[in-house]
């Protein structure tokens, strides 16, 4: 699996921030306490997947190189 795109659904995000804890170089919280992608290359794919899986509301959507959704 190769992650090529990371999307944070800001309507779903509740600012719990486990993504920031797992992959702080990739995710941060903005002034609205919503996650956003800082640098998609700051962590390996396994860490990014773990960060997405840690989200309690599945607000992080991952896509492969072909544009297919691979998580959730």
N, C-alpha and C. Protein backbone atom coordinates (compact mmCIF):
# COMPACT_ATOMS: atom_id res chain seq x y z
N UNK A 1 0.84 -1.19 0.00
CA UNK A 1 0.00 0.00 0.00
C UNK A 1 0.88 1.24 0.00
N UNK A 2 0.59 2.13 -0.90
CA UNK A 2 1.31 3.41 -0.98
C UNK A 2 0.29 4.54 -0.89
N UNK A 3 0.42 5.36 0.15
CA UNK A 3 -0.50 6.47 0.33
C UNK A 3 -0.02 7.64 -0.52
N UNK A 4 -0.91 8.15 -1.36
CA UNK A 4 -0.51 9.29 -2.18
C UNK A 4 -1.30 10.55 -1.84
N UNK A 5 -2.41 10.40 -1.13
CA UNK A 5 -3.22 11.57 -0.80
C UNK A 5 -3.86 11.37 0.57
N UNK A 6 -3.83 12.44 1.38
CA UNK A 6 -4.44 12.44 2.71
C UNK A 6 -5.46 13.56 2.75
N UNK A 7 -6.70 13.22 3.13
CA UNK A 7 -7.75 14.23 3.23
C UNK A 7 -8.31 14.20 4.65
N UNK A 8 -8.45 15.37 5.25
CA UNK A 8 -9.11 15.48 6.55
C UNK A 8 -10.50 16.06 6.32
N UNK A 9 -11.52 15.31 6.69
CA UNK A 9 -12.91 15.79 6.59
C UNK A 9 -13.17 16.71 7.77
N UNK A 10 -13.11 18.00 7.52
CA UNK A 10 -13.23 18.98 8.60
C UNK A 10 -14.61 18.99 9.24
N UNK A 11 -15.63 18.52 8.52
CA UNK A 11 -16.96 18.43 9.12
C UNK A 11 -17.02 17.31 10.15
N UNK A 12 -16.24 16.26 9.93
CA UNK A 12 -16.22 15.13 10.87
C UNK A 12 -15.25 15.36 12.04
N UNK A 13 -14.17 16.06 11.79
CA UNK A 13 -13.11 16.23 12.79
C UNK A 13 -13.66 16.89 14.06
N UNK A 14 -13.33 16.29 15.21
CA UNK A 14 -13.78 16.83 16.50
C UNK A 14 -12.60 17.38 17.32
N UNK A 15 -11.40 17.38 16.74
CA UNK A 15 -10.25 17.95 17.43
C UNK A 15 -9.70 17.10 18.55
N UNK A 16 -9.97 15.79 18.53
CA UNK A 16 -9.45 14.91 19.58
C UNK A 16 -7.92 14.80 19.50
N UNK A 17 -7.38 14.93 18.32
CA UNK A 17 -5.94 15.04 18.05
C UNK A 17 -5.08 13.79 18.22
N UNK A 18 -5.63 12.58 18.18
CA UNK A 18 -4.72 11.43 18.21
C UNK A 18 -3.83 11.38 16.97
N UNK A 19 -4.31 11.95 15.86
CA UNK A 19 -3.50 11.99 14.64
C UNK A 19 -2.24 12.82 14.87
N UNK A 20 -2.38 13.92 15.61
CA UNK A 20 -1.24 14.78 15.92
C UNK A 20 -0.27 14.05 16.85
N UNK A 21 -0.81 13.28 17.79
CA UNK A 21 0.03 12.51 18.71
C UNK A 21 0.82 11.45 17.98
N UNK A 22 0.18 10.74 17.05
CA UNK A 22 0.83 9.64 16.32
C UNK A 22 1.77 10.17 15.25
N UNK A 23 1.36 11.20 14.52
CA UNK A 23 2.16 11.73 13.41
C UNK A 23 2.20 13.25 13.44
N UNK A 24 2.91 13.83 14.43
CA UNK A 24 2.91 15.29 14.60
C UNK A 24 3.49 16.06 13.42
N UNK A 25 4.36 15.45 12.65
CA UNK A 25 4.92 16.13 11.50
C UNK A 25 3.96 16.21 10.33
N UNK A 26 2.97 15.30 10.35
CA UNK A 26 2.01 15.22 9.26
C UNK A 26 0.76 16.04 9.57
N UNK A 27 0.27 15.94 10.82
CA UNK A 27 -0.98 16.59 11.22
C UNK A 27 -0.74 17.62 12.31
N UNK A 28 -1.52 18.68 12.26
CA UNK A 28 -1.58 19.68 13.33
C UNK A 28 -3.02 20.14 13.46
N UNK A 29 -3.33 20.83 14.56
CA UNK A 29 -4.66 21.42 14.73
C UNK A 29 -4.59 22.90 14.41
N UNK A 30 -5.62 23.41 13.74
CA UNK A 30 -5.67 24.83 13.41
C UNK A 30 -6.41 25.61 14.50
N UNK A 31 -6.67 26.89 14.24
CA UNK A 31 -7.31 27.74 15.24
C UNK A 31 -8.74 27.31 15.56
N UNK A 32 -9.35 26.51 14.69
CA UNK A 32 -10.70 25.97 14.96
C UNK A 32 -10.64 24.62 15.66
N UNK A 33 -9.43 24.20 16.04
CA UNK A 33 -9.22 22.91 16.68
C UNK A 33 -9.58 21.75 15.75
N UNK A 34 -9.32 21.95 14.47
CA UNK A 34 -9.55 20.91 13.47
C UNK A 34 -8.19 20.49 12.90
N UNK A 35 -8.07 19.20 12.62
CA UNK A 35 -6.81 18.69 12.06
C UNK A 35 -6.65 19.12 10.61
N UNK A 36 -5.41 19.31 10.23
CA UNK A 36 -5.08 19.56 8.83
C UNK A 36 -3.72 18.92 8.55
N UNK A 37 -3.43 18.74 7.27
CA UNK A 37 -2.18 18.10 6.86
C UNK A 37 -1.11 19.18 6.70
N UNK A 38 -0.01 19.01 7.45
CA UNK A 38 1.11 19.93 7.39
C UNK A 38 2.09 19.46 6.31
N UNK A 39 2.52 18.21 6.42
CA UNK A 39 3.51 17.65 5.49
C UNK A 39 3.25 16.16 5.31
N UNK A 40 2.64 15.76 4.20
CA UNK A 40 2.31 14.34 4.00
C UNK A 40 3.54 13.44 3.89
N UNK A 41 4.71 14.04 3.72
CA UNK A 41 5.94 13.24 3.59
C UNK A 41 6.72 13.16 4.91
N UNK A 42 6.15 13.72 5.99
CA UNK A 42 6.87 13.78 7.26
C UNK A 42 6.86 12.46 8.03
N UNK A 43 6.11 11.47 7.55
CA UNK A 43 6.07 10.16 8.21
C UNK A 43 5.90 9.09 7.14
N UNK A 44 6.21 7.85 7.52
CA UNK A 44 6.03 6.76 6.56
C UNK A 44 4.55 6.37 6.49
N UNK A 45 4.22 5.58 5.48
CA UNK A 45 2.82 5.21 5.25
C UNK A 45 2.21 4.47 6.43
N UNK A 46 3.00 3.63 7.08
CA UNK A 46 2.48 2.87 8.22
C UNK A 46 2.07 3.81 9.36
N UNK A 47 2.88 4.82 9.63
CA UNK A 47 2.58 5.79 10.68
C UNK A 47 1.34 6.61 10.33
N UNK A 48 1.24 7.00 9.06
CA UNK A 48 0.08 7.77 8.62
C UNK A 48 -1.20 6.93 8.76
N UNK A 49 -1.12 5.65 8.39
CA UNK A 49 -2.27 4.76 8.55
C UNK A 49 -2.64 4.63 10.02
N UNK A 50 -1.66 4.48 10.89
CA UNK A 50 -1.93 4.38 12.34
C UNK A 50 -2.61 5.66 12.84
N UNK A 51 -2.16 6.81 12.36
CA UNK A 51 -2.76 8.09 12.75
C UNK A 51 -4.22 8.14 12.30
N UNK A 52 -4.48 7.71 11.07
CA UNK A 52 -5.85 7.71 10.55
C UNK A 52 -6.72 6.75 11.35
N UNK A 53 -6.18 5.58 11.68
CA UNK A 53 -6.94 4.59 12.45
C UNK A 53 -7.21 5.06 13.88
N UNK A 54 -6.35 5.95 14.39
CA UNK A 54 -6.52 6.46 15.75
C UNK A 54 -7.64 7.48 15.85
N UNK A 55 -8.07 8.03 14.72
CA UNK A 55 -9.13 9.05 14.73
C UNK A 55 -10.44 8.42 15.20
N UNK A 56 -11.04 8.98 16.26
CA UNK A 56 -12.27 8.39 16.79
C UNK A 56 -13.50 8.54 15.88
N UNK A 57 -13.42 9.46 14.92
CA UNK A 57 -14.57 9.68 14.03
C UNK A 57 -14.24 9.38 12.57
N UNK A 58 -13.10 8.76 12.33
CA UNK A 58 -12.65 8.40 10.97
C UNK A 58 -12.70 9.59 10.01
N UNK A 59 -12.16 10.71 10.45
CA UNK A 59 -12.17 11.92 9.64
C UNK A 59 -10.98 12.00 8.68
N UNK A 60 -10.06 11.04 8.77
CA UNK A 60 -8.89 11.05 7.89
C UNK A 60 -9.09 9.98 6.82
N UNK A 61 -9.08 10.43 5.57
CA UNK A 61 -9.31 9.53 4.44
C UNK A 61 -8.01 9.43 3.65
N UNK A 62 -7.61 8.19 3.38
CA UNK A 62 -6.36 7.94 2.67
C UNK A 62 -6.64 7.35 1.30
N UNK A 63 -5.85 7.78 0.33
CA UNK A 63 -5.98 7.31 -1.06
C UNK A 63 -4.65 6.78 -1.55
N UNK A 64 -4.72 5.79 -2.45
CA UNK A 64 -3.49 5.27 -3.05
C UNK A 64 -3.14 6.05 -4.32
N UNK A 65 -2.09 5.59 -4.99
CA UNK A 65 -1.58 6.30 -6.17
C UNK A 65 -2.58 6.33 -7.33
N UNK A 66 -3.53 5.37 -7.33
CA UNK A 66 -4.52 5.31 -8.39
C UNK A 66 -5.79 6.10 -8.04
N UNK A 67 -5.78 6.76 -6.87
CA UNK A 67 -6.93 7.55 -6.45
C UNK A 67 -7.99 6.74 -5.74
N UNK A 68 -7.69 5.48 -5.45
CA UNK A 68 -8.66 4.63 -4.74
C UNK A 68 -8.56 4.88 -3.25
N UNK A 69 -9.72 4.96 -2.60
CA UNK A 69 -9.75 5.15 -1.15
C UNK A 69 -9.28 3.86 -0.50
N UNK A 70 -8.27 3.97 0.37
CA UNK A 70 -7.74 2.78 1.05
C UNK A 70 -8.05 2.79 2.55
N UNK A 71 -8.49 3.91 3.08
CA UNK A 71 -8.94 3.99 4.47
C UNK A 71 -9.82 5.21 4.63
N UNK A 72 -10.88 5.16 5.41
CA UNK A 72 -11.48 3.94 5.99
C UNK A 72 -12.21 3.12 4.94
